[in-house]
Protein backbone atom coordinates (compact mmCIF):
# COMPACT_ATOMS: atom_id res chain seq x y z
CA MET A 1 22.70 5.33 -22.68
CA ASP A 2 21.92 4.76 -19.01
CA THR A 3 24.04 6.43 -16.38
CA THR A 4 25.59 3.95 -13.98
CA ILE A 5 27.65 4.86 -10.94
CA SER A 6 29.74 2.75 -8.61
CA LEU A 7 28.73 2.18 -5.01
CA LEU A 8 32.38 1.54 -4.08
CA PRO A 9 33.22 5.20 -3.22
CA PHE A 10 30.31 5.17 -0.76
CA ILE A 11 31.60 1.99 0.91
CA ASP A 12 35.32 2.80 1.12
CA SER A 13 37.01 6.16 0.61
CA GLU A 14 40.29 7.84 1.47
CA LYS A 15 38.41 11.04 2.24
CA ASN A 16 36.79 11.93 5.53
CA GLY A 17 33.00 11.75 5.66
CA PHE A 18 30.13 9.35 5.95
CA LEU A 19 30.43 5.84 4.50
CA LEU A 20 27.90 3.13 3.77
CA ASP A 21 28.28 0.04 5.92
CA ILE A 22 26.93 -3.23 4.50
CA PRO A 23 27.51 -5.77 7.26
CA VAL A 24 28.44 -9.33 6.40
CA SER A 25 28.54 -12.44 8.54
CA ASP A 26 29.37 -16.12 8.36
CA GLN A 27 25.70 -16.96 8.88
CA THR A 28 24.67 -16.78 5.24
CA ALA A 29 21.18 -17.00 3.80
CA GLU A 30 20.88 -18.68 0.39
CA GLY A 31 24.64 -18.38 -0.04
CA LEU A 32 24.69 -14.62 0.64
CA PRO A 33 26.78 -13.15 3.48
CA PHE A 34 24.68 -9.97 3.59
CA GLN A 35 21.97 -9.49 6.19
CA VAL A 36 18.83 -9.81 4.08
CA LEU A 37 15.82 -8.82 6.15
CA GLN A 38 13.23 -9.71 3.56
CA ASN A 39 13.78 -11.75 0.41
CA GLY A 40 10.31 -13.08 -0.32
CA GLN A 41 9.34 -10.53 -2.97
CA LYS A 42 9.65 -11.16 -6.69
CA PHE A 43 11.56 -8.08 -7.76
CA SER A 44 13.32 -6.67 -4.68
CA ARG A 45 14.93 -7.54 -1.37
CA LEU A 46 15.54 -5.60 1.82
CA VAL A 47 19.14 -5.48 3.12
CA LYS A 48 20.42 -4.22 6.45
CA ALA A 49 22.98 -1.38 6.26
CA GLY A 50 24.13 1.69 8.14
CA LEU A 51 26.14 4.90 8.11
CA LYS A 52 29.59 5.19 9.64
CA THR A 53 32.74 7.26 9.45
CA LYS A 54 36.08 5.75 8.44
CA GLY A 55 37.36 3.48 11.19
CA SER A 56 34.19 3.76 13.31
CA THR A 57 31.26 1.49 14.02
CA PRO A 58 27.90 2.31 12.37
CA PHE A 59 26.01 5.08 14.14
CA LYS A 60 22.80 5.13 12.07
CA PRO A 61 20.91 2.06 10.80
CA LEU A 62 19.57 2.00 7.26
CA PHE A 63 17.56 -0.33 5.06
CA LEU A 64 18.42 -0.79 1.40
CA LEU A 65 15.70 -1.77 -1.05
CA VAL A 66 17.69 -3.55 -3.79
CA GLN A 67 16.63 -4.88 -7.17
CA ASN A 68 16.80 -8.67 -7.37
CA ASP A 69 19.13 -10.56 -9.69
CA SER A 70 16.50 -13.12 -10.68
CA TYR A 71 12.73 -12.94 -10.84
CA PRO A 72 10.77 -16.07 -9.84
CA VAL A 73 7.67 -15.14 -11.82
CA ASP A 74 5.34 -17.10 -14.06
CA THR A 75 5.16 -15.85 -17.63
CA ASP A 76 1.77 -14.45 -18.62
CA PRO A 77 1.50 -14.94 -22.40
CA LEU A 78 -1.16 -12.20 -22.63
CA HIS A 79 0.83 -9.57 -20.71
CA PRO A 80 4.35 -10.74 -19.89
CA MET A 81 6.38 -8.62 -17.49
CA THR A 82 9.45 -7.10 -19.16
CA ASN A 83 12.65 -5.36 -18.14
CA GLY A 84 11.38 -2.15 -19.71
CA GLU A 85 8.30 -2.18 -17.49
CA LEU A 86 10.36 -2.91 -14.39
CA ASP A 87 12.78 -0.07 -15.14
CA LEU A 88 9.82 2.32 -15.39
CA ALA A 89 8.32 0.95 -12.16
CA TRP A 90 11.61 1.50 -10.32
CA GLN A 91 11.91 5.07 -11.60
CA GLU A 92 8.34 5.80 -10.47
CA THR A 93 9.00 4.25 -7.07
CA VAL A 94 12.19 6.23 -6.59
CA SER A 95 10.51 9.48 -7.64
CA LEU A 96 7.58 8.93 -5.29
CA TYR A 97 9.62 8.25 -2.18
CA VAL A 98 12.33 10.81 -2.82
CA ALA A 99 9.73 13.51 -3.49
CA ALA A 100 8.01 12.65 -0.20
CA ASP A 101 11.34 12.76 1.69
CA ASN A 102 10.75 9.17 2.79
CA ALA A 103 13.87 7.82 1.10
CA PHE A 104 17.13 8.84 -0.51
CA CYS A 105 18.65 7.87 -3.84
CA VAL A 106 21.95 9.11 -5.24
CA PRO A 107 21.31 11.54 -8.14
CA ASP A 108 23.33 11.70 -11.32
CA PRO A 109 26.12 14.16 -10.37
CA LEU A 110 26.14 15.59 -13.90
CA ARG A 111 22.36 15.71 -14.38
CA PRO A 112 20.71 16.05 -10.95
CA ASP A 113 17.22 16.50 -12.44
CA SER A 114 17.42 13.40 -14.65
CA PRO A 115 16.16 9.91 -13.71
CA ARG A 116 18.24 8.38 -10.92
CA PRO A 117 21.18 6.36 -12.23
CA LEU A 118 21.67 2.66 -11.81
CA PHE A 119 24.44 1.34 -9.61
CA LYS A 120 27.13 -0.77 -11.24
CA PRO A 121 27.22 -4.53 -10.52
CA LEU A 122 28.79 -5.21 -7.14
CA PHE A 123 30.59 -8.42 -6.18
CA PHE A 124 32.11 -9.33 -2.81
CA CYS A 125 35.09 -11.51 -1.88
CA GLN A 126 34.45 -13.09 1.50
CA ASN A 127 38.09 -14.15 1.83
CA THR A 128 39.55 -10.62 1.53
CA ASN A 129 36.40 -8.81 2.77
CA ARG A 130 36.40 -6.54 -0.31
CA PHE A 131 33.71 -5.35 -2.69
CA PHE A 132 34.66 -5.02 -6.36
CA LEU A 133 33.20 -4.38 -9.80
CA PRO A 134 33.19 -7.48 -12.04
CA PRO A 135 35.84 -7.17 -14.78
CA CYS A 136 35.76 -8.70 -18.24
CA PRO A 137 37.80 -11.93 -18.04
CA GLU A 138 39.35 -11.14 -21.43
CA CYS A 139 40.45 -7.50 -21.13
CA GLY A 140 39.88 -6.49 -17.49
CA GLN A 141 37.48 -3.64 -18.30
CA PRO A 142 34.19 -3.44 -16.34
CA LEU A 143 31.33 -5.60 -17.53
CA ASP A 144 28.01 -3.90 -18.21
CA LEU A 145 24.39 -4.78 -18.90
CA CYS A 146 23.60 -5.27 -22.57
CA LYS A 147 20.42 -3.37 -23.50
CA ASP A 148 21.00 -3.43 -27.25
CA ASP A 149 18.36 -5.84 -28.51
CA GLY A 150 20.08 -5.99 -31.91
CA ILE A 151 23.30 -7.30 -30.36
CA LEU A 152 21.37 -9.81 -28.25
CA LYS A 153 19.26 -11.12 -31.12
CA ARG A 154 22.31 -11.56 -33.36
CA ALA A 155 23.86 -13.65 -30.59
CA GLY A 156 20.73 -15.82 -30.37
CA LEU A 157 19.74 -14.44 -26.95
CA LEU A 158 16.48 -13.06 -25.60
CA PRO A 159 15.99 -9.29 -26.08
CA TYR A 160 16.19 -6.97 -23.10
CA PHE A 161 13.13 -4.77 -23.55
CA THR A 162 10.57 -7.47 -24.31
CA SER A 163 11.65 -10.13 -21.81
CA LEU A 164 13.02 -10.48 -18.27
CA ALA A 165 16.36 -11.85 -19.49
CA ARG A 166 19.48 -9.83 -18.63
CA TYR A 167 23.07 -10.36 -19.76
CA LEU A 168 26.40 -8.85 -18.76
CA PHE A 169 28.91 -8.29 -21.55
CA CYS A 170 32.01 -6.24 -22.29
CA PRO A 171 31.25 -3.14 -24.42
CA GLY A 172 34.97 -2.61 -25.10
CA CYS A 173 35.49 -6.09 -26.54
CA HIS A 174 32.35 -5.71 -28.64
CA GLU A 175 33.50 -2.36 -30.07
CA GLN A 176 36.82 -3.96 -31.05
CA GLY A 177 35.00 -6.58 -33.07
CA LYS A 178 35.73 -9.45 -30.73
CA THR A 179 33.11 -12.15 -30.31
CA PRO A 180 31.20 -11.01 -27.21
CA VAL A 181 30.69 -13.33 -24.27
CA PHE A 182 27.43 -12.99 -22.36
CA TYR A 183 26.92 -13.84 -18.71
CA GLN A 184 23.67 -14.09 -16.77
CA PHE A 185 22.82 -14.88 -13.17
CA SER A 186 21.00 -18.08 -14.12
CA LYS A 187 20.59 -19.54 -17.59
CA ASN A 188 17.23 -19.32 -19.35
CA PRO A 189 15.86 -22.50 -20.94
CA GLU A 190 15.65 -20.61 -24.26
CA ASP A 191 19.34 -19.68 -24.27
CA PRO A 192 21.81 -21.39 -26.63
CA PRO A 193 24.37 -23.78 -25.12
CA PHE A 194 27.20 -21.21 -25.27
CA ALA A 195 25.46 -18.78 -22.89
CA ARG A 196 27.19 -18.65 -19.52
CA ASN A 197 26.02 -18.15 -15.94
CA ARG A 198 27.43 -16.55 -12.79
CA PHE A 199 29.56 -19.57 -11.91
CA ASP A 200 31.12 -19.59 -15.36
CA LEU A 201 32.03 -15.91 -14.89
CA ILE A 202 33.82 -16.64 -11.62
CA LYS A 203 35.75 -19.48 -13.24
CA ASP A 204 36.67 -17.23 -16.17
CA PHE A 205 38.24 -14.71 -13.75
CA ALA A 206 41.19 -17.14 -13.70
CA LYS A 207 42.19 -15.71 -17.13
CA LEU A 208 42.86 -12.24 -15.73
CA ARG A 209 46.39 -10.98 -15.30
CA SER A 210 45.50 -7.33 -14.59
CA ALA A 211 42.28 -5.47 -13.74
CA GLN A 212 41.86 -2.33 -11.69
CA GLY A 213 40.23 -3.00 -8.33
CA PHE A 214 40.01 -6.76 -8.82
CA PRO A 215 41.23 -8.29 -5.53
CA CYS A 216 42.13 -11.79 -6.72
CA ILE A 217 45.21 -11.28 -8.88
CA GLU A 218 47.62 -10.33 -6.09
CA CYS A 219 45.89 -12.40 -3.41
CA PRO A 220 48.07 -15.21 -1.96
CA ASN A 221 45.02 -17.49 -2.10
CA HIS A 222 44.67 -17.13 -5.87
CA PRO A 223 45.93 -20.68 -6.67
CA GLU A 224 43.47 -22.41 -4.35
CA CYS A 225 40.62 -20.21 -5.58
CA TYR A 226 41.17 -20.66 -9.31
CA LEU A 227 43.67 -23.41 -10.01
CA THR A 228 43.73 -26.23 -7.48
CA GLY A 229 40.48 -25.99 -5.53
CA GLU A 230 38.13 -23.60 -7.36
CA LYS A 231 37.26 -22.13 -3.97
CA ALA A 232 36.38 -18.83 -5.61
CA LEU A 233 32.95 -20.33 -6.35
CA SER A 234 32.17 -20.32 -2.62
CA ARG A 235 34.14 -17.19 -1.69
CA ILE A 236 32.74 -14.69 -4.22
CA SER A 237 29.21 -13.46 -3.57
CA PHE A 238 26.95 -11.04 -5.41
CA PHE A 239 25.48 -7.99 -3.75
CA SER A 240 24.10 -7.46 -7.24
CA PHE A 241 25.12 -9.40 -10.33
CA TYR A 242 23.60 -6.78 -12.67
CA PRO A 243 23.43 -2.98 -12.62
CA PHE A 244 20.71 -2.30 -10.07
CA HIS A 245 18.19 0.16 -8.74
CA MET A 246 18.35 0.87 -5.01
CA LEU A 247 16.71 3.11 -2.42
CA PHE A 248 18.12 4.11 0.99
CA PHE A 249 15.66 4.24 3.90
CA ASP A 250 15.83 5.19 7.53
CA ALA A 251 15.55 1.86 9.32
CA ALA A 252 12.91 3.21 11.70
CA ASP A 253 10.42 4.21 9.01
CA ILE A 254 10.34 1.57 6.30
CA ARG A 255 7.55 -0.93 5.75
CA ALA A 256 8.66 -3.32 3.06
CA ALA A 257 5.12 -4.29 2.07
CA ASP A 258 4.47 -0.72 0.94
CA PHE A 259 6.69 -1.23 -2.08
CA LEU A 260 4.86 -4.14 -3.62
CA PRO A 261 2.34 -2.23 -5.79
CA PHE A 262 4.96 0.02 -7.40
CA ILE A 263 7.71 -2.56 -7.87
CA SER A 264 5.13 -4.97 -9.28
CA GLY A 265 4.06 -2.38 -11.84
CA GLY A 266 0.79 -1.35 -10.15
CA GLY A 267 -1.09 1.81 -10.99
CA ASN A 268 -2.25 4.70 -8.84
CA ALA A 269 -5.31 2.81 -7.58
CA ASP A 270 -3.13 -0.01 -6.28
CA ILE A 271 -0.76 2.43 -4.63
CA ASN A 272 -3.54 4.37 -2.90
CA ALA A 273 -5.15 1.12 -1.73
CA ALA A 274 -1.85 0.14 -0.10
CA GLY A 275 -1.96 3.23 2.06
CA TYR A 276 0.75 5.41 0.50
CA ARG A 277 0.94 8.92 1.95
């Protein structure tokens, strides 16, 4: 099973130390409040960030290379790109840059020599200015990425390892024998009618009565977000809808174009041709 860690302790903590600042603004791009510096690539985007201490303004700028939620790619029937290939490409990219001291990625605290862990899905409420992990609308436990192709096929969905389809589900509800509900960022044409998208997930949050870290339940604006106006659809954004790979870079050193060969699954010849050092 993959190791996933939450980015929340790096964004907000009761302890003293450095924190990650992900600035937001009212000037959104494509519905996102985050400052996306480059979003033209198929598999990744570049987001402005910084380091700060609690209560201070950022003192060091950073760039975050973040895995995309959707991939606008044409399917090649002879060699289709798959999630399995992308996961390998990300691990190779992370290893290359971390080994060269050109980037930083959080290691697995229990297995520091293992492949870098994924970060858990990260949602953002623009009304309360809070990041949170998406809970299961039925039980309140965190949603996770389903990589079990057997579960997906039995539900009539595309498999993970031989496609680019990805689905969030609740492992706890599945283990209890409940009929699992699957959510994806955007629906695939091949999906059955019951498959749900990101907007359905936000609407389903109205079912929740308790969930750790979920900001909506006690919020005074809950009725207008979920009952009378459905304003949650415009107030909740996605830093990442799925568990995601991410690299931290010094803002002065990064060149986003350098990542294209690796993130696109290129080999050593492509990487050397791009000028990697």
